[in-house]
Amino acid sequence: MNVTIYTNTGCSACHLAMDFMTRNGVSFTERSLADDPSARDELIAMGFRAVPVIKVGNETMIGFSAPKLRKMLSL
């Protein structure tokens, strides 16, 4: 399963989401808007302007909700 999270500096929800995935043994790719300008362009192309944005396969979630992410990840 392909999991990608778009983050930015100072985003507490981003850290909560990454901590949640790490604690649950989920491998993910972090795309930091602060470190990679192309990540910002990707986010805008998907229609989003805020982080975190979490992609799990073909599903996308904006923000962080543990119950919703658990369901998306089939945990």
PDB file of N, CA and C in Angstrom:
ATOM      1  N   MET A   1       0.859  -1.181   0.000  1.00  0.00           N
ATOM      2  CA  MET A   1       0.000   0.000   0.000  1.00  0.00           C
ATOM      3  C   MET A   1       0.896   1.232   0.000  1.00  0.00           C
ATOM      4  N   ASN A   2       0.591   2.169  -0.880  1.00  0.00           N
ATOM      5  CA  ASN A   2       1.347   3.399  -1.011  1.00  0.00           C
ATOM      6  C   ASN A   2       0.750   4.474  -0.104  1.00  0.00           C
ATOM      7  N   VAL A   3       1.531   4.993   0.837  1.00  0.00           N
ATOM      8  CA  VAL A   3       1.054   6.027   1.759  1.00  0.00           C
ATOM      9  C   VAL A   3       1.981   7.230   1.660  1.00  0.00           C
ATOM     10  N   THR A   4       1.408   8.388   1.383  1.00  0.00           N
ATOM     11  CA  THR A   4       2.178   9.629   1.289  1.00  0.00           C
ATOM     12  C   THR A   4       1.504  10.677   2.151  1.00  0.00           C
ATOM     13  N   ILE A   5       2.323  11.434   2.898  1.00  0.00           N
ATOM     14  CA  ILE A   5       1.791  12.543   3.694  1.00  0.00           C
ATOM     15  C   ILE A   5       2.519  13.818   3.281  1.00  0.00           C
ATOM     16  N   TYR A   6       1.734  14.838   2.994  1.00  0.00           N
ATOM     17  CA  TYR A   6       2.266  16.159   2.672  1.00  0.00           C
ATOM     18  C   TYR A   6       2.265  16.974   3.959  1.00  0.00           C
ATOM     19  N   THR A   7       3.424  17.541   4.287  1.00  0.00           N
ATOM     20  CA  THR A   7       3.595  18.236   5.564  1.00  0.00           C
ATOM     21  C   THR A   7       4.210  19.617   5.346  1.00  0.00           C
ATOM     22  N   ASN A   8       4.274  20.384   6.441  1.00  0.00           N
ATOM     23  CA  ASN A   8       4.986  21.651   6.438  1.00  0.00           C
ATOM     24  C   ASN A   8       5.529  21.907   7.836  1.00  0.00           C
ATOM     25  N   THR A   9       6.493  22.768   7.920  1.00  0.00           N
ATOM     26  CA  THR A   9       7.113  23.126   9.189  1.00  0.00           C
ATOM     27  C   THR A   9       6.071  23.700  10.142  1.00  0.00           C
ATOM     28  N   GLY A  10       6.109  23.263  11.394  1.00  0.00           N
ATOM     29  CA  GLY A  10       5.223  23.804  12.416  1.00  0.00           C
ATOM     30  C   GLY A  10       3.808  23.249  12.393  1.00  0.00           C
ATOM     31  N   CYS A  11       3.585  22.191  11.646  1.00  0.00           N
ATOM     32  CA  CYS A  11       2.248  21.597  11.532  1.00  0.00           C
ATOM     33  C   CYS A  11       2.090  20.493  12.576  1.00  0.00           C
ATOM     34  N   SER A  12       1.372  20.793  13.654  1.00  0.00           N
ATOM     35  CA  SER A  12       1.227  19.807  14.729  1.00  0.00           C
ATOM     36  C   SER A  12       0.403  18.600  14.285  1.00  0.00           C
ATOM     37  N   ALA A  13      -0.623  18.822  13.459  1.00  0.00           N
ATOM     38  CA  ALA A  13      -1.425  17.699  12.964  1.00  0.00           C
ATOM     39  C   ALA A  13      -0.592  16.775  12.082  1.00  0.00           C
ATOM     40  N   CYS A  14       0.366  17.342  11.362  1.00  0.00           N
ATOM     41  CA  CYS A  14       1.275  16.535  10.528  1.00  0.00           C
ATOM     42  C   CYS A  14       2.080  15.595  11.423  1.00  0.00           C
ATOM     43  N   HIS A  15       2.617  16.133  12.513  1.00  0.00           N
ATOM     44  CA  HIS A  15       3.408  15.315  13.439  1.00  0.00           C
ATOM     45  C   HIS A  15       2.549  14.246  14.108  1.00  0.00           C
ATOM     46  N   LEU A  16       1.326  14.597  14.474  1.00  0.00           N
ATOM     47  CA  LEU A  16       0.429  13.610  15.072  1.00  0.00           C
ATOM     48  C   LEU A  16       0.154  12.467  14.097  1.00  0.00           C
ATOM     49  N   ALA A  17      -0.095  12.803  12.830  1.00  0.00           N
ATOM     50  CA  ALA A  17      -0.379  11.785  11.820  1.00  0.00           C
ATOM     51  C   ALA A  17       0.832  10.879  11.596  1.00  0.00           C
ATOM     52  N   MET A  18       2.015  11.479  11.506  1.00  0.00           N
ATOM     53  CA  MET A  18       3.224  10.671  11.296  1.00  0.00           C
ATOM     54  C   MET A  18       3.522   9.798  12.509  1.00  0.00           C
ATOM     55  N   ASP A  19       3.322  10.333  13.707  1.00  0.00           N
ATOM     56  CA  ASP A  19       3.508   9.539  14.931  1.00  0.00           C
ATOM     57  C   ASP A  19       2.530   8.367  14.955  1.00  0.00           C
ATOM     58  N   PHE A  20       1.273   8.615  14.586  1.00  0.00           N
ATOM     59  CA  PHE A  20       0.251   7.573  14.542  1.00  0.00           C
ATOM     60  C   PHE A  20       0.688   6.450  13.590  1.00  0.00           C
ATOM     61  N   MET A  21       1.124   6.831  12.406  1.00  0.00           N
ATOM     62  CA  MET A  21       1.517   5.814  11.427  1.00  0.00           C
ATOM     63  C   MET A  21       2.754   5.047  11.882  1.00  0.00           C
ATOM     64  N   THR A  22       3.713   5.742  12.465  1.00  0.00           N
ATOM     65  CA  THR A  22       4.922   5.084  12.965  1.00  0.00           C
ATOM     66  C   THR A  22       4.578   4.097  14.071  1.00  0.00           C
ATOM     67  N   ARG A  23       3.737   4.511  15.020  1.00  0.00           N
ATOM     68  CA  ARG A  23       3.336   3.633  16.121  1.00  0.00           C
ATOM     69  C   ARG A  23       2.603   2.394  15.625  1.00  0.00           C
ATOM     70  N   ASN A  24       1.909   2.521  14.488  1.00  0.00           N
ATOM     71  CA  ASN A  24       1.146   1.403  13.939  1.00  0.00           C
ATOM     72  C   ASN A  24       1.900   0.639  12.856  1.00  0.00           C
ATOM     73  N   GLY A  25       3.192   0.929  12.720  1.00  0.00           N
ATOM     74  CA  GLY A  25       4.030   0.179  11.784  1.00  0.00           C
ATOM     75  C   GLY A  25       3.722   0.425  10.322  1.00  0.00           C
ATOM     76  N   VAL A  26       3.199   1.608  10.009  1.00  0.00           N
ATOM     77  CA  VAL A  26       2.848   1.944   8.626  1.00  0.00           C
ATOM     78  C   VAL A  26       4.022   2.664   7.969  1.00  0.00           C
ATOM     79  N   SER A  27       4.492   2.131   6.851  1.00  0.00           N
ATOM     80  CA  SER A  27       5.535   2.806   6.075  1.00  0.00           C
ATOM     81  C   SER A  27       4.888   3.926   5.277  1.00  0.00           C
ATOM     82  N   PHE A  28       5.526   5.087   5.262  1.00  0.00           N
ATOM     83  CA  PHE A  28       4.972   6.214   4.520  1.00  0.00           C
ATOM     84  C   PHE A  28       6.091   7.079   3.972  1.00  0.00           C
ATOM     85  N   THR A  29       5.745   7.861   2.966  1.00  0.00           N
ATOM     86  CA  THR A  29       6.662   8.833   2.383  1.00  0.00           C
ATOM     87  C   THR A  29       6.204  10.215   2.807  1.00  0.00           C
ATOM     88  N   GLU A  30       7.117  10.999   3.361  1.00  0.00           N
ATOM     89  CA  GLU A  30       6.797  12.381   3.729  1.00  0.00           C
ATOM     90  C   GLU A  30       7.236  13.304   2.610  1.00  0.00           C
ATOM     91  N   ARG A  31       6.314  14.162   2.168  1.00  0.00           N
ATOM     92  CA  ARG A  31       6.631  15.200   1.185  1.00  0.00           C
ATOM     93  C   ARG A  31       6.498  16.531   1.908  1.00  0.00           C
ATOM     94  N   SER A  32       7.617  17.135   2.255  1.00  0.00           N
ATOM     95  CA  SER A  32       7.629  18.380   3.021  1.00  0.00           C
ATOM     96  C   SER A  32       7.598  19.586   2.081  1.00  0.00           C
ATOM     97  N   LEU A  33       6.597  20.432   2.248  1.00  0.00           N
ATOM     98  CA  LEU A  33       6.513  21.635   1.438  1.00  0.00           C
ATOM     99  C   LEU A  33       7.681  22.567   1.712  1.00  0.00           C
ATOM    100  N   ALA A  34       8.207  22.532   2.931  1.00  0.00           N
ATOM    101  CA  ALA A  34       9.327  23.388   3.301  1.00  0.00           C
ATOM    102  C   ALA A  34      10.619  22.941   2.620  1.00  0.00           C
ATOM    103  N   ASP A  35      10.769  21.646   2.390  1.00  0.00           N
ATOM    104  CA  ASP A  35      12.002  21.108   1.828  1.00  0.00           C
ATOM    105  C   ASP A  35      11.954  20.843   0.331  1.00  0.00           C
ATOM    106  N   ASP A  36      10.754  20.753  -0.234  1.00  0.00           N
ATOM    107  CA  ASP A  36      10.618  20.349  -1.630  1.00  0.00           C
ATOM    108  C   ASP A  36       9.524  21.171  -2.320  1.00  0.00           C
ATOM    109  N   PRO A  37       9.916  22.203  -3.076  1.00  0.00           N
ATOM    110  CA  PRO A  37       8.927  23.053  -3.746  1.00  0.00           C
ATOM    111  C   PRO A  37       7.978  22.281  -4.674  1.00  0.00           C
ATOM    112  N   SER A  38       8.413  21.167  -5.232  1.00  0.00           N
ATOM    113  CA  SER A  38       7.540  20.395  -6.122  1.00  0.00           C
ATOM    114  C   SER A  38       6.385  19.759  -5.341  1.00  0.00           C
ATOM    115  N   ALA A  39       6.586  19.516  -4.040  1.00  0.00           N
ATOM    116  CA  ALA A  39       5.518  18.953  -3.205  1.00  0.00           C
ATOM    117  C   ALA A  39       4.358  19.954  -3.108  1.00  0.00           C
ATOM    118  N   ARG A  40       4.685  21.226  -3.005  1.00  0.00           N
ATOM    119  CA  ARG A  40       3.653  22.275  -2.954  1.00  0.00           C
ATOM    120  C   ARG A  40       2.864  22.286  -4.258  1.00  0.00           C
ATOM    121  N   ASP A  41       3.576  22.185  -5.380  1.00  0.00           N
ATOM    122  CA  ASP A  41       2.912  22.175  -6.681  1.00  0.00           C
ATOM    123  C   ASP A  41       1.981  20.971  -6.815  1.00  0.00           C
ATOM    124  N   GLU A  42       2.425  19.807  -6.337  1.00  0.00           N
ATOM    125  CA  GLU A  42       1.596  18.600  -6.376  1.00  0.00           C
ATOM    126  C   GLU A  42       0.315  18.802  -5.559  1.00  0.00           C
ATOM    127  N   LEU A  43       0.482  19.366  -4.367  1.00  0.00           N
ATOM    128  CA  LEU A  43      -0.651  19.594  -3.471  1.00  0.00           C
ATOM    129  C   LEU A  43      -1.685  20.509  -4.121  1.00  0.00           C
ATOM    130  N   ILE A  44      -1.216  21.595  -4.720  1.00  0.00           N
ATOM    131  CA  ILE A  44      -2.114  22.544  -5.391  1.00  0.00           C
ATOM    132  C   ILE A  44      -2.795  21.878  -6.578  1.00  0.00           C
ATOM    133  N   ALA A  45      -2.049  21.061  -7.327  1.00  0.00           N
ATOM    134  CA  ALA A  45      -2.627  20.357  -8.484  1.00  0.00           C
ATOM    135  C   ALA A  45      -3.740  19.399  -8.058  1.00  0.00           C
ATOM    136  N   MET A  46      -3.646  18.872  -6.824  1.00  0.00           N
ATOM    137  CA  MET A  46      -4.692  17.981  -6.307  1.00  0.00           C
ATOM    138  C   MET A  46      -5.876  18.765  -5.740  1.00  0.00           C
ATOM    139  N   GLY A  47      -5.738  20.102  -5.669  1.00  0.00           N
ATOM    140  CA  GLY A  47      -6.831  20.941  -5.184  1.00  0.00           C
ATOM    141  C   GLY A  47      -6.757  21.274  -3.708  1.00  0.00           C
ATOM    142  N   PHE A  48      -5.599  21.043  -3.087  1.00  0.00           N
ATOM    143  CA  PHE A  48      -5.445  21.313  -1.658  1.00  0.00           C
ATOM    144  C   PHE A  48      -4.497  22.478  -1.424  1.00  0.00           C
ATOM    145  N   ARG A  49      -4.731  23.198  -0.335  1.00  0.00           N
ATOM    146  CA  ARG A  49      -3.863  24.321   0.024  1.00  0.00           C
ATOM    147  C   ARG A  49      -3.461  24.285   1.492  1.00  0.00           C
ATOM    148  N   ALA A  50      -3.819  23.221   2.191  1.00  0.00           N
ATOM    149  CA  ALA A  50      -3.488  23.089   3.607  1.00  0.00           C
ATOM    150  C   ALA A  50      -2.906  21.698   3.846  1.00  0.00           C
ATOM    151  N   VAL A  51      -2.199  21.548   4.935  1.00  0.00           N
ATOM    152  CA  VAL A  51      -1.618  20.261   5.314  1.00  0.00           C
ATOM    153  C   VAL A  51      -2.099  19.890   6.713  1.00  0.00           C
ATOM    154  N   PRO A  52      -2.047  18.634   7.099  1.00  0.00           N
ATOM    155  CA  PRO A  52      -1.555  17.518   6.304  1.00  0.00           C
ATOM    156  C   PRO A  52      -2.584  17.039   5.285  1.00  0.00           C
ATOM    157  N   VAL A  53      -2.051  16.524   4.187  1.00  0.00           N
ATOM    158  CA  VAL A  53      -2.844  15.771   3.230  1.00  0.00           C
ATOM    159  C   VAL A  53      -2.230  14.380   3.211  1.00  0.00           C
ATOM    160  N   ILE A  54      -3.054  13.381   3.450  1.00  0.00           N
ATOM    161  CA  ILE A  54      -2.580  11.997   3.525  1.00  0.00           C
ATOM    162  C   ILE A  54      -3.238  11.201   2.411  1.00  0.00           C
ATOM    163  N   LYS A  55      -2.397  10.592   1.575  1.00  0.00           N
ATOM    164  CA  LYS A  55      -2.892   9.747   0.486  1.00  0.00           C
ATOM    165  C   LYS A  55      -2.597   8.300   0.839  1.00  0.00           C
ATOM    166  N   VAL A  56      -3.633   7.477   0.807  1.00  0.00           N
ATOM    167  CA  VAL A  56      -3.505   6.035   1.038  1.00  0.00           C
ATOM    168  C   VAL A  56      -4.105   5.370  -0.198  1.00  0.00           C
ATOM    169  N   GLY A  57      -3.233   4.879  -1.073  1.00  0.00           N
ATOM    170  CA  GLY A  57      -3.716   4.331  -2.333  1.00  0.00           C
ATOM    171  C   GLY A  57      -4.450   5.413  -3.101  1.00  0.00           C
ATOM    172  N   ASN A  58      -5.727   5.183  -3.422  1.00  0.00           N
ATOM    173  CA  ASN A  58      -6.528   6.152  -4.167  1.00  0.00           C
ATOM    174  C   ASN A  58      -7.364   7.061  -3.277  1.00  0.00           C
ATOM    175  N   GLU A  59      -7.266   6.878  -1.944  1.00  0.00           N
ATOM    176  CA  GLU A  59      -8.030   7.707  -1.007  1.00  0.00           C
ATOM    177  C   GLU A  59      -7.169   8.853  -0.497  1.00  0.00           C
ATOM    178  N   THR A  60      -7.811  10.006  -0.282  1.00  0.00           N
ATOM    179  CA  THR A  60      -7.094  11.179   0.218  1.00  0.00           C
ATOM    180  C   THR A  60      -7.853  11.785   1.381  1.00  0.00           C
ATOM    181  N   MET A  61      -7.102  12.174   2.414  1.00  0.00           N
ATOM    182  CA  MET A  61      -7.690  12.819   3.586  1.00  0.00           C
ATOM    183  C   MET A  61      -6.940  14.119   3.848  1.00  0.00           C
ATOM    184  N   ILE A  62      -7.686  15.181   4.127  1.00  0.00           N
ATOM    185  CA  ILE A  62      -7.044  16.415   4.556  1.00  0.00           C
ATOM    186  C   ILE A  62      -7.238  16.525   6.063  1.00  0.00           C
ATOM    187  N   GLY A  63      -6.180  16.946   6.749  1.00  0.00           N
ATOM    188  CA  GLY A  63      -6.215  16.991   8.204  1.00  0.00           C
ATOM    189  C   GLY A  63      -5.853  15.627   8.767  1.00  0.00           C
ATOM    190  N   PHE A  64      -6.063  15.473  10.062  1.00  0.00           N
ATOM    191  CA  PHE A  64      -5.750  14.199  10.701  1.00  0.00           C
ATOM    192  C   PHE A  64      -6.888  13.773  11.610  1.00  0.00           C
ATOM    193  N   SER A  65      -7.420  12.592  11.347  1.00  0.00           N
ATOM    194  CA  SER A  65      -8.420  11.953  12.192  1.00  0.00           C
ATOM    195  C   SER A  65      -7.962  10.509  12.370  1.00  0.00           C
ATOM    196  N   ALA A  66      -7.608  10.141  13.594  1.00  0.00           N
ATOM    197  CA  ALA A  66      -7.126   8.775  13.845  1.00  0.00           C
ATOM    198  C   ALA A  66      -8.135   7.718  13.400  1.00  0.00           C
ATOM    199  N   PRO A  67      -9.429   7.854  13.743  1.00  0.00           N
ATOM    200  CA  PRO A  67     -10.382   6.833  13.308  1.00  0.00           C
ATOM    201  C   PRO A  67     -10.484   6.716  11.776  1.00  0.00           C
ATOM    202  N   LYS A  68     -10.501   7.856  11.093  1.00  0.00           N
ATOM    203  CA  LYS A  68     -10.599   7.831   9.633  1.00  0.00           C
ATOM    204  C   LYS A  68      -9.333   7.233   9.017  1.00  0.00           C
ATOM    205  N   LEU A  69      -8.161   7.627   9.534  1.00  0.00           N
ATOM    206  CA  LEU A  69      -6.906   7.099   9.000  1.00  0.00           C
ATOM    207  C   LEU A  69      -6.795   5.603   9.280  1.00  0.00           C
ATOM    208  N   ARG A  70      -7.240   5.189  10.456  1.00  0.00           N
ATOM    209  CA  ARG A  70      -7.229   3.754  10.800  1.00  0.00           C
ATOM    210  C   ARG A  70      -8.057   2.972   9.784  1.00  0.00           C
ATOM    211  N   LYS A  71      -9.221   3.528   9.419  1.00  0.00           N
ATOM    212  CA  LYS A  71     -10.090   2.866   8.440  1.00  0.00           C
ATOM    213  C   LYS A  71      -9.430   2.852   7.060  1.00  0.00           C
ATOM    214  N   MET A  72      -8.836   3.960   6.655  1.00  0.00           N
ATOM    215  CA  MET A  72      -8.169   4.016   5.351  1.00  0.00           C
ATOM    216  C   MET A  72      -7.026   3.012   5.258  1.00  0.00           C
ATOM    217  N   LEU A  73      -6.345   2.799   6.391  1.00  0.00           N
ATOM    218  CA  LEU A  73      -5.193   1.894   6.431  1.00  0.00           C
ATOM    219  C   LEU A  73      -5.596   0.450   6.749  1.00  0.00           C
ATOM    220  N   SER A  74      -6.882   0.233   7.007  1.00  0.00           N
ATOM    221  CA  SER A  74      -7.405  -1.089   7.383  1.00  0.00           C
ATOM    222  C   SER A  74      -6.702  -1.629   8.632  1.00  0.00           C
ATOM    223  N   LEU A  75      -6.557  -0.781   9.649  1.00  0.00           N
ATOM    224  CA  LEU A  75      -5.916  -1.189  10.915  1.00  0.00           C
ATOM    225  C   LEU A  75      -6.958  -1.691  11.894  1.00  0.00           C
TER     226      LEU A  75
END
